[in-house]
C-alpha atoms as a PDB file:
ATOM      1  CA  MET A   1      -5.856  13.836  12.987  1.00  0.00           C
ATOM      2  CA  LEU A   2      -6.918  13.858   9.350  1.00  0.00           C
ATOM      3  CA  ASP A   3      -9.224  11.110   8.182  1.00  0.00           C
ATOM      4  CA  ASP A   4      -7.402   7.891   7.292  1.00  0.00           C
ATOM      5  CA  THR A   5      -8.845   8.017   3.771  1.00  0.00           C
ATOM      6  CA  SER A   6      -6.892  11.208   3.049  1.00  0.00           C
ATOM      7  CA  ASP A   7      -3.287  11.474   1.960  1.00  0.00           C
ATOM      8  CA  GLY A   8      -2.112  11.552   5.561  1.00  0.00           C
ATOM      9  CA  TYR A   9      -2.791  13.057   8.948  1.00  0.00           C
ATOM     10  CA  ILE A  10      -1.535  15.671  11.373  1.00  0.00           C
ATOM     11  CA  THR A  11      -0.050  14.496  14.666  1.00  0.00           C
ATOM     12  CA  THR A  12      -0.886  16.141  17.990  1.00  0.00           C
ATOM     13  CA  ASP A  13       2.472  17.948  17.888  1.00  0.00           C
ATOM     14  CA  GLY A  14       1.788  19.358  14.422  1.00  0.00           C
ATOM     15  CA  ARG A  15       3.854  16.951  12.304  1.00  0.00           C
ATOM     16  CA  ARG A  16       2.473  16.066   8.903  1.00  0.00           C
ATOM     17  CA  ILE A  17       2.311  12.344   8.143  1.00  0.00           C
ATOM     18  CA  GLY A  18       2.123  11.404   4.487  1.00  0.00           C
ATOM     19  CA  GLY A  19       0.417   8.689   2.485  1.00  0.00           C
ATOM     20  CA  VAL A  20       0.818   4.938   2.792  1.00  0.00           C
ATOM     21  CA  LEU A  21       4.404   3.757   2.299  1.00  0.00           C
ATOM     22  CA  MET A  22       3.859   0.065   3.047  1.00  0.00           C
ATOM     23  CA  GLU A  23       0.722  -1.995   3.400  1.00  0.00           C
ATOM     24  CA  MET A  24       0.335  -5.471   4.842  1.00  0.00           C
ATOM     25  CA  ARG A  25      -2.806  -6.919   3.308  1.00  0.00           C
ATOM     26  CA  ASN A  26      -4.438 -10.065   4.774  1.00  0.00           C
ATOM     27  CA  ILE A  27      -1.094 -11.571   5.803  1.00  0.00           C
ATOM     28  CA  THR A  28      -1.127 -15.189   6.987  1.00  0.00           C
ATOM     29  CA  LEU A  29       2.121 -16.950   7.915  1.00  0.00           C
ATOM     30  CA  ARG A  30       2.371 -20.618   8.901  1.00  0.00           C
ATOM     31  CA  PHE A  31       5.196 -22.805  10.149  1.00  0.00           C
ATOM     32  CA  GLY A  32       3.924 -26.311   9.520  1.00  0.00           C
ATOM     33  CA  GLY A  33       0.706 -26.566  11.514  1.00  0.00           C
ATOM     34  CA  VAL A  34       1.457 -23.458  13.579  1.00  0.00           C
ATOM     35  CA  VAL A  35      -0.192 -20.218  12.454  1.00  0.00           C
ATOM     36  CA  ALA A  36       2.148 -17.377  13.498  1.00  0.00           C
ATOM     37  CA  ILE A  37       0.134 -14.622  11.774  1.00  0.00           C
ATOM     38  CA  LYS A  38      -3.545 -14.929  10.853  1.00  0.00           C
ATOM     39  CA  ASP A  39      -5.142 -12.628   8.274  1.00  0.00           C
ATOM     40  CA  ILE A  40      -3.641  -9.338   9.489  1.00  0.00           C
ATOM     41  CA  SER A  41      -3.863  -6.051   7.599  1.00  0.00           C
ATOM     42  CA  PHE A  42      -2.375  -2.660   8.491  1.00  0.00           C
ATOM     43  CA  ASP A  43      -0.351   0.086   6.867  1.00  0.00           C
ATOM     44  CA  ILE A  44       2.703   2.213   7.619  1.00  0.00           C
ATOM     45  CA  ARG A  45       2.552   5.834   6.516  1.00  0.00           C
ATOM     46  CA  GLU A  46       5.366   8.030   5.288  1.00  0.00           C
ATOM     47  CA  GLY A  47       7.082   9.847   8.159  1.00  0.00           C
ATOM     48  CA  GLU A  48       5.323   8.198  11.082  1.00  0.00           C
ATOM     49  CA  ILE A  49       6.511   6.095  14.010  1.00  0.00           C
ATOM     50  CA  ARG A  50       4.408   2.924  13.877  1.00  0.00           C
ATOM     51  CA  ALA A  51       4.543   0.508  16.817  1.00  0.00           C
ATOM     52  CA  ILE A  52       3.742  -3.210  16.707  1.00  0.00           C
ATOM     53  CA  ILE A  53       3.025  -4.530  20.184  1.00  0.00           C
ATOM     54  CA  GLY A  54       1.623  -7.608  21.886  1.00  0.00           C
ATOM     55  CA  PRO A  55       2.382 -10.233  24.531  1.00  0.00           C
ATOM     56  CA  ASN A  56       5.199 -12.753  24.046  1.00  0.00           C
ATOM     57  CA  GLY A  57       4.374 -15.140  21.214  1.00  0.00           C
ATOM     58  CA  ALA A  58       1.920 -12.742  19.581  1.00  0.00           C
ATOM     59  CA  GLY A  59       3.708 -12.888  16.212  1.00  0.00           C
ATOM     60  CA  LYS A  60       5.368  -9.455  16.270  1.00  0.00           C
ATOM     61  CA  SER A  61       8.857 -10.558  15.233  1.00  0.00           C
ATOM     62  CA  SER A  62       7.357 -12.800  12.559  1.00  0.00           C
ATOM     63  CA  MET A  63       5.564  -9.762  11.144  1.00  0.00           C
ATOM     64  CA  LEU A  64       8.778  -7.747  11.160  1.00  0.00           C
ATOM     65  CA  ASN A  65      10.481 -10.625   9.357  1.00  0.00           C
ATOM     66  CA  VAL A  66       7.755 -10.583   6.704  1.00  0.00           C
ATOM     67  CA  ILE A  67       8.289  -6.851   6.190  1.00  0.00           C
ATOM     68  CA  SER A  68      12.063  -7.289   5.882  1.00  0.00           C
ATOM     69  CA  GLY A  69      11.894 -10.300   3.564  1.00  0.00           C
ATOM     70  CA  PHE A  70      13.147 -13.006   5.933  1.00  0.00           C
ATOM     71  CA  TYR A  71       9.754 -14.738   5.826  1.00  0.00           C
ATOM     72  CA  HIS A  72       7.311 -15.038   2.936  1.00  0.00           C
ATOM     73  CA  PRO A  73       3.638 -15.348   3.876  1.00  0.00           C
ATOM     74  CA  GLN A  74       1.529 -18.164   2.472  1.00  0.00           C
ATOM     75  CA  GLU A  75      -1.428 -15.813   2.050  1.00  0.00           C
ATOM     76  CA  GLY A  76      -1.857 -12.096   1.541  1.00  0.00           C
ATOM     77  CA  GLU A  77       0.483  -9.573  -0.002  1.00  0.00           C
ATOM     78  CA  VAL A  78       2.944  -6.848   0.898  1.00  0.00           C
ATOM     79  CA  LEU A  79       2.602  -3.562  -0.958  1.00  0.00           C
ATOM     80  CA  PHE A  80       5.416  -1.009  -1.084  1.00  0.00           C
ATOM     81  CA  GLU A  81       4.659   2.446  -2.471  1.00  0.00           C
ATOM     82  CA  GLY A  82       1.310   1.119  -3.663  1.00  0.00           C
ATOM     83  CA  LYS A  83       2.761  -1.773  -5.672  1.00  0.00           C
ATOM     84  CA  PRO A  84       2.597  -5.469  -4.741  1.00  0.00           C
ATOM     85  CA  ARG A  85       6.040  -6.677  -3.704  1.00  0.00           C
ATOM     86  CA  PRO A  86       7.040 -10.089  -5.062  1.00  0.00           C
ATOM     87  CA  PRO A  87       8.911 -12.501  -2.777  1.00  0.00           C
ATOM     88  CA  MET A  88      12.338 -10.970  -2.166  1.00  0.00           C
ATOM     89  CA  LYS A  89      15.498 -11.892  -0.344  1.00  0.00           C
ATOM     90  CA  PRO A  90      16.502  -9.617   2.565  1.00  0.00           C
ATOM     91  CA  TYR A  91      19.282  -7.933   0.571  1.00  0.00           C
ATOM     92  CA  GLN A  92      16.796  -7.058  -2.172  1.00  0.00           C
ATOM     93  CA  VAL A  93      14.450  -5.574   0.418  1.00  0.00           C
ATOM     94  CA  ALA A  94      17.380  -3.584   1.819  1.00  0.00           C
ATOM     95  CA  ARG A  95      18.011  -2.130  -1.631  1.00  0.00           C
ATOM     96  CA  GLN A  96      14.391  -0.956  -1.696  1.00  0.00           C
ATOM     97  CA  GLY A  97      15.269   1.290   1.234  1.00  0.00           C
ATOM     98  CA  ILE A  98      14.319  -0.857   4.235  1.00  0.00           C
ATOM     99  CA  ALA A  99      16.845  -1.332   7.051  1.00  0.00           C
ATOM    100  CA  ARG A 100      16.515  -3.010  10.439  1.00  0.00           C
ATOM    101  CA  THR A 101      18.031  -3.733  13.809  1.00  0.00           C
ATOM    102  CA  PHE A 102      17.680  -7.049  15.600  1.00  0.00           C
ATOM    103  CA  GLN A 103      16.332  -8.161  18.964  1.00  0.00           C
ATOM    104  CA  ASN A 104      19.613  -9.952  19.597  1.00  0.00           C
ATOM    105  CA  ILE A 105      22.531  -7.692  18.720  1.00  0.00           C
ATOM    106  CA  ALA A 106      24.136  -8.772  15.433  1.00  0.00           C
ATOM    107  CA  LEU A 107      27.433  -6.884  15.275  1.00  0.00           C
ATOM    108  CA  PHE A 108      31.025  -7.883  14.479  1.00  0.00           C
ATOM    109  CA  ASN A 109      32.650  -7.865  17.904  1.00  0.00           C
ATOM    110  CA  GLY A 110      36.234  -7.858  16.623  1.00  0.00           C
ATOM    111  CA  MET A 111      35.699  -4.850  14.374  1.00  0.00           C
ATOM    112  CA  SER A 112      35.704  -1.204  15.419  1.00  0.00           C
ATOM    113  CA  VAL A 113      32.564   0.853  15.754  1.00  0.00           C
ATOM    114  CA  LEU A 114      33.390   2.725  12.554  1.00  0.00           C
ATOM    115  CA  ASP A 115      33.946  -0.484  10.577  1.00  0.00           C
ATOM    116  CA  ASN A 116      30.681  -1.945  11.879  1.00  0.00           C
ATOM    117  CA  VAL A 117      28.801   1.169  10.850  1.00  0.00           C
ATOM    118  CA  MET A 118      30.471   1.123   7.435  1.00  0.00           C
ATOM    119  CA  THR A 119      29.007  -2.341   6.731  1.00  0.00           C
ATOM    120  CA  GLY A 120      25.618  -0.644   6.587  1.00  0.00           C
ATOM    121  CA  ARG A 121      26.712   1.001   3.331  1.00  0.00           C
ATOM    122  CA  LEU A 122      27.327  -2.263   1.462  1.00  0.00           C
ATOM    123  CA  THR A 123      24.106  -1.954  -0.536  1.00  0.00           C
ATOM    124  CA  LYS A 124      25.314   1.458  -1.768  1.00  0.00           C
ATOM    125  CA  MET A 125      28.545   0.115  -3.277  1.00  0.00           C
ATOM    126  CA  ASN A 126      28.481  -0.500  -7.025  1.00  0.00           C
ATOM    127  CA  ALA A 127      32.171  -0.627  -7.966  1.00  0.00           C
ATOM    128  CA  GLY A 128      33.488  -3.943  -9.287  1.00  0.00           C
ATOM    129  CA  LEU A 129      35.652  -6.329  -7.293  1.00  0.00           C
ATOM    130  CA  LEU A 130      38.815  -5.369  -9.200  1.00  0.00           C
ATOM    131  CA  ALA A 131      38.306  -1.647  -8.547  1.00  0.00           C
ATOM    132  CA  GLN A 132      37.595  -2.357  -4.873  1.00  0.00           C
ATOM    133  CA  GLY A 133      40.673  -4.539  -4.571  1.00  0.00           C
ATOM    134  CA  LEU A 134      42.914  -1.918  -6.149  1.00  0.00           C
ATOM    135  CA  TRP A 135      41.007   0.924  -4.478  1.00  0.00           C
ATOM    136  CA  TYR A 136      40.920   3.339  -7.398  1.00  0.00           C
ATOM    137  CA  GLY A 137      38.402   5.306  -9.435  1.00  0.00           C
ATOM    138  CA  LYS A 138      34.798   4.578  -8.541  1.00  0.00           C
ATOM    139  CA  ALA A 139      35.745   2.349  -5.622  1.00  0.00           C
ATOM    140  CA  GLU A 140      37.835   5.100  -4.045  1.00  0.00           C
ATOM    141  CA  ARG A 141      35.060   7.639  -4.482  1.00  0.00           C
ATOM    142  CA  GLU A 142      32.484   5.288  -2.987  1.00  0.00           C
ATOM    143  CA  GLU A 143      34.723   4.483  -0.026  1.00  0.00           C
ATOM    144  CA  THR A 144      35.259   8.189   0.673  1.00  0.00           C
ATOM    145  CA  GLU A 145      31.543   8.959   0.425  1.00  0.00           C
ATOM    146  CA  ASN A 146      30.599   5.995   2.615  1.00  0.00           C
ATOM    147  CA  ARG A 147      33.103   7.010   5.292  1.00  0.00           C
ATOM    148  CA  ILE A 148      31.715  10.564   5.324  1.00  0.00           C
ATOM    149  CA  LYS A 149      28.165   9.215   5.728  1.00  0.00           C
ATOM    150  CA  ALA A 150      29.272   6.864   8.518  1.00  0.00           C
ATOM    151  CA  GLU A 151      31.081   9.628  10.396  1.00  0.00           C
ATOM    152  CA  ARG A 152      28.009  11.873  10.192  1.00  0.00           C
ATOM    153  CA  VAL A 153      25.797   9.184  11.703  1.00  0.00           C
ATOM    154  CA  ILE A 154      28.381   8.490  14.400  1.00  0.00           C
ATOM    155  CA  ASP A 155      28.365  12.192  15.287  1.00  0.00           C
ATOM    156  CA  PHE A 156      24.567  12.281  15.225  1.00  0.00           C
ATOM    157  CA  LEU A 157      24.296   9.383  17.688  1.00  0.00           C
ATOM    158  CA  GLU A 158      27.044  10.827  19.902  1.00  0.00           C
ATOM    159  CA  ILE A 159      29.425   7.871  19.715  1.00  0.00           C
ATOM    160  CA  GLN A 160      32.455   9.717  18.346  1.00  0.00           C
ATOM    161  CA  HIS A 161      34.490   8.840  21.440  1.00  0.00           C
ATOM    162  CA  ILE A 162      34.223   5.095  20.724  1.00  0.00           C
ATOM    163  CA  ARG A 163      34.496   5.156  16.928  1.00  0.00           C
ATOM    164  CA  LYS A 164      37.812   3.212  16.961  1.00  0.00           C
ATOM    165  CA  THR A 165      36.879   0.869  19.823  1.00  0.00           C
ATOM    166  CA  PRO A 166      36.201  -2.815  19.040  1.00  0.00           C
ATOM    167  CA  VAL A 167      32.488  -3.418  19.520  1.00  0.00           C
ATOM    168  CA  GLY A 168      33.143  -6.434  21.732  1.00  0.00           C
ATOM    169  CA  ARG A 169      34.502  -4.126  24.437  1.00  0.00           C
ATOM    170  CA  LEU A 170      31.411  -1.930  24.619  1.00  0.00           C
ATOM    171  CA  PRO A 171      28.614  -2.072  27.197  1.00  0.00           C
ATOM    172  CA  TYR A 172      25.240  -3.316  26.038  1.00  0.00           C
ATOM    173  CA  GLY A 173      23.568   0.088  25.670  1.00  0.00           C
ATOM    174  CA  LEU A 174      26.299   1.425  23.384  1.00  0.00           C
ATOM    175  CA  LYS A 175      26.187  -1.735  21.272  1.00  0.00           C
ATOM    176  CA  LYS A 176      22.498  -1.060  20.692  1.00  0.00           C
ATOM    177  CA  ARG A 177      23.361   2.461  19.557  1.00  0.00           C
ATOM    178  CA  VAL A 178      26.031   1.138  17.168  1.00  0.00           C
ATOM    179  CA  GLU A 179      23.490  -1.230  15.659  1.00  0.00           C
ATOM    180  CA  LEU A 180      21.117   1.695  15.158  1.00  0.00           C
ATOM    181  CA  ALA A 181      23.951   3.612  13.467  1.00  0.00           C
ATOM    182  CA  ARG A 182      24.636   0.722  11.093  1.00  0.00           C
ATOM    183  CA  ALA A 183      20.979   0.613  10.031  1.00  0.00           C
ATOM    184  CA  LEU A 184      20.696   4.389   9.779  1.00  0.00           C
ATOM    185  CA  VAL A 185      23.779   4.857   7.603  1.00  0.00           C
ATOM    186  CA  ALA A 186      21.987   2.921   4.861  1.00  0.00           C
ATOM    187  CA  GLU A 187      19.694   5.974   4.559  1.00  0.00           C
ATOM    188  CA  PRO A 188      16.515   3.889   4.762  1.00  0.00           C
ATOM    189  CA  ARG A 189      13.078   5.140   3.889  1.00  0.00           C
ATOM    190  CA  LEU A 190      11.703   2.627   6.387  1.00  0.00           C
ATOM    191  CA  LEU A 191      13.647   1.727   9.538  1.00  0.00           C
ATOM    192  CA  LEU A 192      12.590  -1.426  11.418  1.00  0.00           C
ATOM    193  CA  LEU A 193      13.558  -1.601  15.092  1.00  0.00           C
ATOM    194  CA  ASP A 194      13.146  -4.946  16.875  1.00  0.00           C
ATOM    195  CA  GLU A 195      12.929  -4.232  20.624  1.00  0.00           C
ATOM    196  CA  PRO A 196      15.412  -1.330  20.630  1.00  0.00           C
ATOM    197  CA  MET A 197      15.025  -0.862  24.423  1.00  0.00           C
ATOM    198  CA  ALA A 198      15.361  -4.517  25.449  1.00  0.00           C
ATOM    199  CA  GLY A 199      17.801  -5.029  28.317  1.00  0.00           C
ATOM    200  CA  MET A 200      18.427  -1.314  28.846  1.00  0.00           C
ATOM    201  CA  ASN A 201      18.355   0.639  32.097  1.00  0.00           C
ATOM    202  CA  VAL A 202      16.223   3.770  32.496  1.00  0.00           C
ATOM    203  CA  GLU A 203      18.948   6.188  31.373  1.00  0.00           C
ATOM    204  CA  GLU A 204      19.785   4.109  28.293  1.00  0.00           C
ATOM    205  CA  LYS A 205      16.086   3.937  27.361  1.00  0.00           C
ATOM    206  CA  GLU A 206      15.792   7.704  27.622  1.00  0.00           C
ATOM    207  CA  ASP A 207      18.800   8.146  25.329  1.00  0.00           C
ATOM    208  CA  MET A 208      17.512   5.650  22.768  1.00  0.00           C
ATOM    209  CA  SER A 209      14.031   7.220  22.814  1.00  0.00           C
ATOM    210  CA  ARG A 210      15.554  10.622  22.132  1.00  0.00           C
ATOM    211  CA  PHE A 211      17.601   9.297  19.213  1.00  0.00           C
ATOM    212  CA  ILE A 212      14.595   7.527  17.682  1.00  0.00           C
ATOM    213  CA  LEU A 213      12.581  10.740  17.800  1.00  0.00           C
ATOM    214  CA  ASP A 214      15.524  12.695  16.346  1.00  0.00           C
ATOM    215  CA  VAL A 215      15.945  10.205  13.492  1.00  0.00           C
ATOM    216  CA  ASN A 216      12.268  10.542  12.644  1.00  0.00           C
ATOM    217  CA  ASP A 217      12.252  14.329  12.980  1.00  0.00           C
ATOM    218  CA  GLU A 218      15.586  15.361  11.464  1.00  0.00           C
ATOM    219  CA  PHE A 219      15.972  12.690   8.773  1.00  0.00           C
ATOM    220  CA  GLY A 220      12.264  12.229   8.079  1.00  0.00           C
ATOM    221  CA  THR A 221      12.743   8.464   8.399  1.00  0.00           C
ATOM    222  CA  THR A 222       9.626   6.329   8.684  1.00  0.00           C
ATOM    223  CA  ILE A 223       9.997   3.950  11.649  1.00  0.00           C
ATOM    224  CA  ALA A 224       8.238   0.717  12.588  1.00  0.00           C
ATOM    225  CA  LEU A 225       9.219  -0.733  15.937  1.00  0.00           C
ATOM    226  CA  ILE A 226       8.478  -3.632  18.236  1.00  0.00           C
ATOM    227  CA  GLU A 227       8.762  -2.799  21.916  1.00  0.00           C
ATOM    228  CA  HIS A 228       7.525  -4.263  25.220  1.00  0.00           C
ATOM    229  CA  ASP A 229       7.944  -1.114  27.291  1.00  0.00           C
ATOM    230  CA  MET A 230       4.447   0.344  27.062  1.00  0.00           C
ATOM    231  CA  GLY A 231       5.528   3.717  28.419  1.00  0.00           C
ATOM    232  CA  VAL A 232       8.050   4.043  25.595  1.00  0.00           C
ATOM    233  CA  VAL A 233       5.508   2.887  22.987  1.00  0.00           C
ATOM    234  CA  MET A 234       2.866   5.365  24.088  1.00  0.00           C
ATOM    235  CA  ASP A 235       5.361   8.236  24.219  1.00  0.00           C
ATOM    236  CA  LEU A 236       7.033   7.577  20.864  1.00  0.00           C
ATOM    237  CA  SER A 237       4.365   6.216  18.544  1.00  0.00           C
ATOM    238  CA  ASP A 238       1.955   7.963  16.226  1.00  0.00           C
ATOM    239  CA  ARG A 239      -0.085   4.787  15.733  1.00  0.00           C
ATOM    240  CA  VAL A 240      -0.025   1.359  17.333  1.00  0.00           C
ATOM    241  CA  VAL A 241      -1.088  -2.044  15.981  1.00  0.00           C
ATOM    242  CA  VAL A 242      -1.651  -4.733  18.618  1.00  0.00           C
ATOM    243  CA  MET A 243      -1.247  -8.473  18.019  1.00  0.00           C
ATOM    244  CA  ASP A 244      -2.256 -11.428  20.192  1.00  0.00           C
ATOM    245  CA  TYR A 245      -1.864 -15.096  19.224  1.00  0.00           C
ATOM    246  CA  GLY A 246      -1.185 -14.073  15.634  1.00  0.00           C
ATOM    247  CA  LYS A 247      -4.312 -11.933  15.303  1.00  0.00           C
ATOM    248  CA  LYS A 248      -4.793  -8.169  15.242  1.00  0.00           C
ATOM    249  CA  ILE A 249      -6.808  -6.996  18.238  1.00  0.00           C
ATOM    250  CA  GLY A 250      -6.225  -3.247  18.069  1.00  0.00           C
ATOM    251  CA  ASP A 251      -5.018  -0.528  15.725  1.00  0.00           C
ATOM    252  CA  GLY A 252      -4.990   3.237  16.122  1.00  0.00           C
ATOM    253  CA  PRO A 253      -3.505   6.183  18.024  1.00  0.00           C
ATOM    254  CA  PRO A 254      -1.892   5.375  21.406  1.00  0.00           C
ATOM    255  CA  ASP A 255      -4.745   6.766  23.516  1.00  0.00           C
ATOM    256  CA  GLU A 256      -7.317   4.783  21.552  1.00  0.00           C
ATOM    257  CA  VAL A 257      -5.315   1.570  21.842  1.00  0.00           C
ATOM    258  CA  ARG A 258      -4.696   2.141  25.556  1.00  0.00           C
ATOM    259  CA  ALA A 259      -8.469   2.227  26.142  1.00  0.00           C
ATOM    260  CA  ASN A 260      -9.219  -0.857  23.990  1.00  0.00           C
ATOM    261  CA  GLN A 261     -10.650  -3.581  26.246  1.00  0.00           C
ATOM    262  CA  ASP A 262      -9.226  -6.408  24.105  1.00  0.00           C
ATOM    263  CA  VAL A 263      -5.765  -4.879  24.476  1.00  0.00           C
ATOM    264  CA  ILE A 264      -6.221  -4.469  28.227  1.00  0.00           C
ATOM    265  CA  ASP A 265      -7.308  -8.107  28.543  1.00  0.00           C
ATOM    266  CA  ALA A 266      -4.367  -9.388  26.479  1.00  0.00           C
ATOM    267  CA  TYR A 267      -1.794  -7.514  28.547  1.00  0.00           C
ATOM    268  CA  LEU A 268      -3.404  -8.154  31.933  1.00  0.00           C
ATOM    269  CA  GLY A 269      -4.165 -11.792  31.195  1.00  0.00           C
ATOM    270  CA  VAL A 270      -7.877 -11.500  31.987  1.00  0.00           C
ATOM    271  CA  ALA A 271      -9.617 -14.878  31.744  1.00  0.00           C
ATOM    272  CA  HIS A 272     -12.496 -15.317  29.312  1.00  0.00           C
ATOM    273  CA  ASP A 273     -15.490 -17.640  29.753  1.00  0.00           C
END
């Protein structure tokens, strides 16, 4: 790898990772007297797959919610493209080019796969309400473009055969893929995945892993993910940050993190004197 002080680094498979896209600087997040995140700093570089891992209750989802604008830290700052980001609502963060999936699937069960995916394009629609209601001019052009984008993502994720099926009828693994499609159709610069493999069988995990790698490789999308399956994390990630009880206990390439004694202790539950 290139030195971290450079404009990026080269992965073991020859991919070039760019400069810092997002930086979390001394983030502290409290809920009343509970400290969910304590003085954590790390960055996410352009084009990489960045994993955030840790035992249950480590603060991973809270960190993802800070990145996506659901939570605002009491201390520290979030920098995007080198500039401090003021407190924003989630829809404002989405317009910056940040999309996400959720640990618990958040789809519209009564709507078709295509219609669910199309909702991911809402931040791209600029036509007024009247034009949308009458479906003419700019609204018609936007609708056509958004449908083309949605169909391309549906093809990419190999869910063409269910595009007209109501989401509520789908098995769990396909619902997860639809949620990925909805996030991806927004054409994000940074894609946040909250436990994308949770609840999946081995075959479904293999499929999802392949799609995540393809999204990163073919679209050049920067990805930050939370995942408990350590085999998946080590196979997919370029760098891994490890949290435990709201603190950062490890940060670096997968092999380096795997050998970190603090990380081993946190995952194996080794007692300390």
